[in-house]
Amino acid sequence: MAKEVECKSAGIDCPFMLRTENDDELVSFSQQHVKKTHKKDMSRQDILKMAKNV
């Protein structure tokens, strides 16, 4: 089952959205985006909690 993560779900006004069936890919790309764009760090656990099954 695919998972989806969006910045909007975290209350951030940002168009970033990622959907994938691979948890490692979801976490890696999301962490890179958050660090580069929002200058913050997010743990793997936090990203997976925020992800929705689609």
PDB file of N, CA and C in Angstrom:
ATOM      1  N   MET A   1       0.841  -1.178   0.000  1.00  0.00           N
ATOM      2  CA  MET A   1       0.000   0.000   0.000  1.00  0.00           C
ATOM      3  C   MET A   1       0.888   1.244   0.000  1.00  0.00           C
ATOM      4  N   ALA A   2       0.510   2.203  -0.796  1.00  0.00           N
ATOM      5  CA  ALA A   2       1.280   3.444  -0.894  1.00  0.00           C
ATOM      6  C   ALA A   2       0.991   4.350   0.301  1.00  0.00           C
ATOM      7  N   LYS A   3       1.983   5.181   0.608  1.00  0.00           N
ATOM      8  CA  LYS A   3       1.835   6.196   1.649  1.00  0.00           C
ATOM      9  C   LYS A   3       2.102   7.554   1.024  1.00  0.00           C
ATOM     10  N   GLU A   4       1.498   8.567   1.610  1.00  0.00           N
ATOM     11  CA  GLU A   4       1.622   9.932   1.102  1.00  0.00           C
ATOM     12  C   GLU A   4       1.935  10.868   2.253  1.00  0.00           C
ATOM     13  N   VAL A   5       2.809  11.832   1.991  1.00  0.00           N
ATOM     14  CA  VAL A   5       3.135  12.841   2.986  1.00  0.00           C
ATOM     15  C   VAL A   5       3.089  14.197   2.289  1.00  0.00           C
ATOM     16  N   GLU A   6       2.548  15.191   2.995  1.00  0.00           N
ATOM     17  CA  GLU A   6       2.441  16.551   2.472  1.00  0.00           C
ATOM     18  C   GLU A   6       2.844  17.543   3.553  1.00  0.00           C
ATOM     19  N   CYS A   7       3.454  18.633   3.164  1.00  0.00           N
ATOM     20  CA  CYS A   7       3.773  19.689   4.128  1.00  0.00           C
ATOM     21  C   CYS A   7       2.483  20.292   4.685  1.00  0.00           C
ATOM     22  N   LYS A   8       1.458  20.386   3.841  1.00  0.00           N
ATOM     23  CA  LYS A   8       0.185  20.968   4.283  1.00  0.00           C
ATOM     24  C   LYS A   8      -0.393  20.211   5.476  1.00  0.00           C
ATOM     25  N   SER A   9      -0.155  18.902   5.538  1.00  0.00           N
ATOM     26  CA  SER A   9      -0.634  18.099   6.667  1.00  0.00           C
ATOM     27  C   SER A   9       0.017  18.518   7.979  1.00  0.00           C
ATOM     28  N   ALA A  10       1.202  19.112   7.872  1.00  0.00           N
ATOM     29  CA  ALA A  10       1.920  19.584   9.065  1.00  0.00           C
ATOM     30  C   ALA A  10       1.649  21.064   9.318  1.00  0.00           C
ATOM     31  N   GLY A  11       0.708  21.627   8.565  1.00  0.00           N
ATOM     32  CA  GLY A  11       0.353  23.030   8.767  1.00  0.00           C
ATOM     33  C   GLY A  11       1.312  24.008   8.111  1.00  0.00           C
ATOM     34  N   ILE A  12       2.091  23.532   7.148  1.00  0.00           N
ATOM     35  CA  ILE A  12       3.057  24.389   6.462  1.00  0.00           C
ATOM     36  C   ILE A  12       2.525  24.714   5.069  1.00  0.00           C
ATOM     37  N   ASP A  13       2.551  25.990   4.709  1.00  0.00           N
ATOM     38  CA  ASP A  13       2.078  26.421   3.403  1.00  0.00           C
ATOM     39  C   ASP A  13       3.156  26.124   2.357  1.00  0.00           C
ATOM     40  N   CYS A  14       3.113  24.900   1.833  1.00  0.00           N
ATOM     41  CA  CYS A  14       4.131  24.424   0.900  1.00  0.00           C
ATOM     42  C   CYS A  14       3.476  23.373   0.007  1.00  0.00           C
ATOM     43  N   PRO A  15       3.754  23.386  -1.283  1.00  0.00           N
ATOM     44  CA  PRO A  15       3.104  22.430  -2.195  1.00  0.00           C
ATOM     45  C   PRO A  15       3.719  21.026  -2.210  1.00  0.00           C
ATOM     46  N   PHE A  16       4.742  20.766  -1.400  1.00  0.00           N
ATOM     47  CA  PHE A  16       5.405  19.459  -1.427  1.00  0.00           C
ATOM     48  C   PHE A  16       4.445  18.329  -1.084  1.00  0.00           C
ATOM     49  N   MET A  17       4.480  17.280  -1.934  1.00  0.00           N
ATOM     50  CA  MET A  17       3.702  16.072  -1.698  1.00  0.00           C
ATOM     51  C   MET A  17       4.497  14.920  -2.288  1.00  0.00           C
ATOM     52  N   LEU A  18       4.575  13.832  -1.548  1.00  0.00           N
ATOM     53  CA  LEU A  18       5.292  12.649  -2.017  1.00  0.00           C
ATOM     54  C   LEU A  18       4.435  11.425  -1.737  1.00  0.00           C
ATOM     55  N   ARG A  19       4.315  10.559  -2.749  1.00  0.00           N
ATOM     56  CA  ARG A  19       3.559   9.311  -2.606  1.00  0.00           C
ATOM     57  C   ARG A  19       4.434   8.171  -3.104  1.00  0.00           C
ATOM     58  N   THR A  20       4.588   7.153  -2.292  1.00  0.00           N
ATOM     59  CA  THR A  20       5.397   5.994  -2.661  1.00  0.00           C
ATOM     60  C   THR A  20       4.989   4.781  -1.830  1.00  0.00           C
ATOM     61  N   GLU A  21       5.343   3.609  -2.304  1.00  0.00           N
ATOM     62  CA  GLU A  21       5.092   2.378  -1.556  1.00  0.00           C
ATOM     63  C   GLU A  21       6.292   1.979  -0.701  1.00  0.00           C
ATOM     64  N   ASN A  22       7.383   2.721  -0.817  1.00  0.00           N
ATOM     65  CA  ASN A  22       8.627   2.389  -0.129  1.00  0.00           C
ATOM     66  C   ASN A  22       8.850   3.349   1.044  1.00  0.00           C
ATOM     67  N   ASP A  23       8.781   2.840   2.273  1.00  0.00           N
ATOM     68  CA  ASP A  23       8.940   3.692   3.460  1.00  0.00           C
ATOM     69  C   ASP A  23      10.303   4.373   3.507  1.00  0.00           C
ATOM     70  N   ASP A  24      11.354   3.650   3.117  1.00  0.00           N
ATOM     71  CA  ASP A  24      12.693   4.245   3.146  1.00  0.00           C
ATOM     72  C   ASP A  24      12.794   5.430   2.193  1.00  0.00           C
ATOM     73  N   GLU A  25      12.198   5.285   1.020  1.00  0.00           N
ATOM     74  CA  GLU A  25      12.185   6.364   0.033  1.00  0.00           C
ATOM     75  C   GLU A  25      11.368   7.550   0.566  1.00  0.00           C
ATOM     76  N   LEU A  26      10.218   7.272   1.136  1.00  0.00           N
ATOM     77  CA  LEU A  26       9.360   8.316   1.691  1.00  0.00           C
ATOM     78  C   LEU A  26      10.111   9.126   2.739  1.00  0.00           C
ATOM     79  N   VAL A  27      10.766   8.445   3.641  1.00  0.00           N
ATOM     80  CA  VAL A  27      11.500   9.113   4.721  1.00  0.00           C
ATOM     81  C   VAL A  27      12.688   9.895   4.166  1.00  0.00           C
ATOM     82  N   SER A  28      13.466   9.273   3.302  1.00  0.00           N
ATOM     83  CA  SER A  28      14.664   9.922   2.770  1.00  0.00           C
ATOM     84  C   SER A  28      14.341  11.211   2.010  1.00  0.00           C
ATOM     85  N   PHE A  29      13.411  11.138   1.060  1.00  0.00           N
ATOM     86  CA  PHE A  29      13.068  12.319   0.268  1.00  0.00           C
ATOM     87  C   PHE A  29      12.399  13.394   1.123  1.00  0.00           C
ATOM     88  N   SER A  30      11.572  12.970   2.061  1.00  0.00           N
ATOM     89  CA  SER A  30      10.908  13.941   2.938  1.00  0.00           C
ATOM     90  C   SER A  30      11.913  14.652   3.831  1.00  0.00           C
ATOM     91  N   GLN A  31      12.857  13.895   4.399  1.00  0.00           N
ATOM     92  CA  GLN A  31      13.880  14.511   5.243  1.00  0.00           C
ATOM     93  C   GLN A  31      14.738  15.489   4.439  1.00  0.00           C
ATOM     94  N   GLN A  32      15.087  15.124   3.219  1.00  0.00           N
ATOM     95  CA  GLN A  32      15.870  16.029   2.366  1.00  0.00           C
ATOM     96  C   GLN A  32      15.094  17.313   2.086  1.00  0.00           C
ATOM     97  N   HIS A  33      13.809  17.184   1.764  1.00  0.00           N
ATOM     98  CA  HIS A  33      12.980  18.353   1.480  1.00  0.00           C
ATOM     99  C   HIS A  33      12.872  19.262   2.697  1.00  0.00           C
ATOM    100  N   VAL A  34      12.563  18.695   3.849  1.00  0.00           N
ATOM    101  CA  VAL A  34      12.384  19.488   5.070  1.00  0.00           C
ATOM    102  C   VAL A  34      13.676  20.221   5.437  1.00  0.00           C
ATOM    103  N   LYS A  35      14.791  19.545   5.307  1.00  0.00           N
ATOM    104  CA  LYS A  35      16.079  20.150   5.651  1.00  0.00           C
ATOM    105  C   LYS A  35      16.430  21.284   4.675  1.00  0.00           C
ATOM    106  N   LYS A  36      16.281  21.030   3.386  1.00  0.00           N
ATOM    107  CA  LYS A  36      16.666  22.012   2.366  1.00  0.00           C
ATOM    108  C   LYS A  36      15.700  23.195   2.297  1.00  0.00           C
ATOM    109  N   THR A  37      14.418  22.909   2.325  1.00  0.00           N
ATOM    110  CA  THR A  37      13.411  23.952   2.118  1.00  0.00           C
ATOM    111  C   THR A  37      13.007  24.663   3.404  1.00  0.00           C
ATOM    112  N   HIS A  38      12.865  23.909   4.486  1.00  0.00           N
ATOM    113  CA  HIS A  38      12.339  24.480   5.726  1.00  0.00           C
ATOM    114  C   HIS A  38      13.396  24.625   6.825  1.00  0.00           C
ATOM    115  N   LYS A  39      14.621  24.194   6.523  1.00  0.00           N
ATOM    116  CA  LYS A  39      15.750  24.326   7.465  1.00  0.00           C
ATOM    117  C   LYS A  39      15.460  23.675   8.816  1.00  0.00           C
ATOM    118  N   LYS A  40      14.793  22.510   8.767  1.00  0.00           N
ATOM    119  CA  LYS A  40      14.460  21.763   9.985  1.00  0.00           C
ATOM    120  C   LYS A  40      14.830  20.308   9.791  1.00  0.00           C
ATOM    121  N   ASP A  41      14.835  19.583  10.883  1.00  0.00           N
ATOM    122  CA  ASP A  41      15.069  18.139  10.844  1.00  0.00           C
ATOM    123  C   ASP A  41      13.808  17.428  11.320  1.00  0.00           C
ATOM    124  N   MET A  42      13.512  16.289  10.701  1.00  0.00           N
ATOM    125  CA  MET A  42      12.390  15.447  11.127  1.00  0.00           C
ATOM    126  C   MET A  42      12.885  14.023  11.255  1.00  0.00           C
ATOM    127  N   SER A  43      12.450  13.363  12.289  1.00  0.00           N
ATOM    128  CA  SER A  43      12.850  11.968  12.485  1.00  0.00           C
ATOM    129  C   SER A  43      12.036  11.060  11.567  1.00  0.00           C
ATOM    130  N   ARG A  44      12.564   9.888  11.363  1.00  0.00           N
ATOM    131  CA  ARG A  44      11.863   8.869  10.571  1.00  0.00           C
ATOM    132  C   ARG A  44      10.485   8.595  11.188  1.00  0.00           C
ATOM    133  N   GLN A  45      10.462   8.486  12.505  1.00  0.00           N
ATOM    134  CA  GLN A  45       9.219   8.194  13.218  1.00  0.00           C
ATOM    135  C   GLN A  45       8.175   9.289  12.983  1.00  0.00           C
ATOM    136  N   ASP A  46       8.582  10.548  13.049  1.00  0.00           N
ATOM    137  CA  ASP A  46       7.658  11.666  12.839  1.00  0.00           C
ATOM    138  C   ASP A  46       7.087  11.668  11.416  1.00  0.00           C
ATOM    139  N   ILE A  47       7.932  11.383  10.441  1.00  0.00           N
ATOM    140  CA  ILE A  47       7.467  11.350   9.044  1.00  0.00           C
ATOM    141  C   ILE A  47       6.481  10.213   8.833  1.00  0.00           C
ATOM    142  N   LEU A  48       6.796   9.051   9.363  1.00  0.00           N
ATOM    143  CA  LEU A  48       5.876   7.920   9.190  1.00  0.00           C
ATOM    144  C   LEU A  48       4.553   8.132   9.920  1.00  0.00           C
ATOM    145  N   LYS A  49       4.584   8.848  11.054  1.00  0.00           N
ATOM    146  CA  LYS A  49       3.330   9.179  11.761  1.00  0.00           C
ATOM    147  C   LYS A  49       2.475  10.125  10.931  1.00  0.00           C
ATOM    148  N   MET A  50       3.131  11.038  10.226  1.00  0.00           N
ATOM    149  CA  MET A  50       2.429  12.042   9.437  1.00  0.00           C
ATOM    150  C   MET A  50       1.891  11.459   8.114  1.00  0.00           C
ATOM    151  N   ALA A  51       2.502  10.386   7.642  1.00  0.00           N
ATOM    152  CA  ALA A  51       2.122   9.788   6.355  1.00  0.00           C
ATOM    153  C   ALA A  51       0.730   9.171   6.429  1.00  0.00           C
ATOM    154  N   LYS A  52       0.015   9.295   5.305  1.00  0.00           N
ATOM    155  CA  LYS A  52      -1.319   8.712   5.182  1.00  0.00           C
ATOM    156  C   LYS A  52      -1.244   7.531   4.225  1.00  0.00           C
ATOM    157  N   ASN A  53      -1.976   6.487   4.519  1.00  0.00           N
ATOM    158  CA  ASN A  53      -2.105   5.361   3.583  1.00  0.00           C
ATOM    159  C   ASN A  53      -3.051   5.769   2.465  1.00  0.00           C
ATOM    160  N   VAL A  54      -2.642   5.530   1.227  1.00  0.00           N
ATOM    161  CA  VAL A  54      -3.481   5.872   0.067  1.00  0.00           C
ATOM    162  C   VAL A  54      -3.590   4.703  -0.881  1.00  0.00           C
TER     163      VAL A  54
END
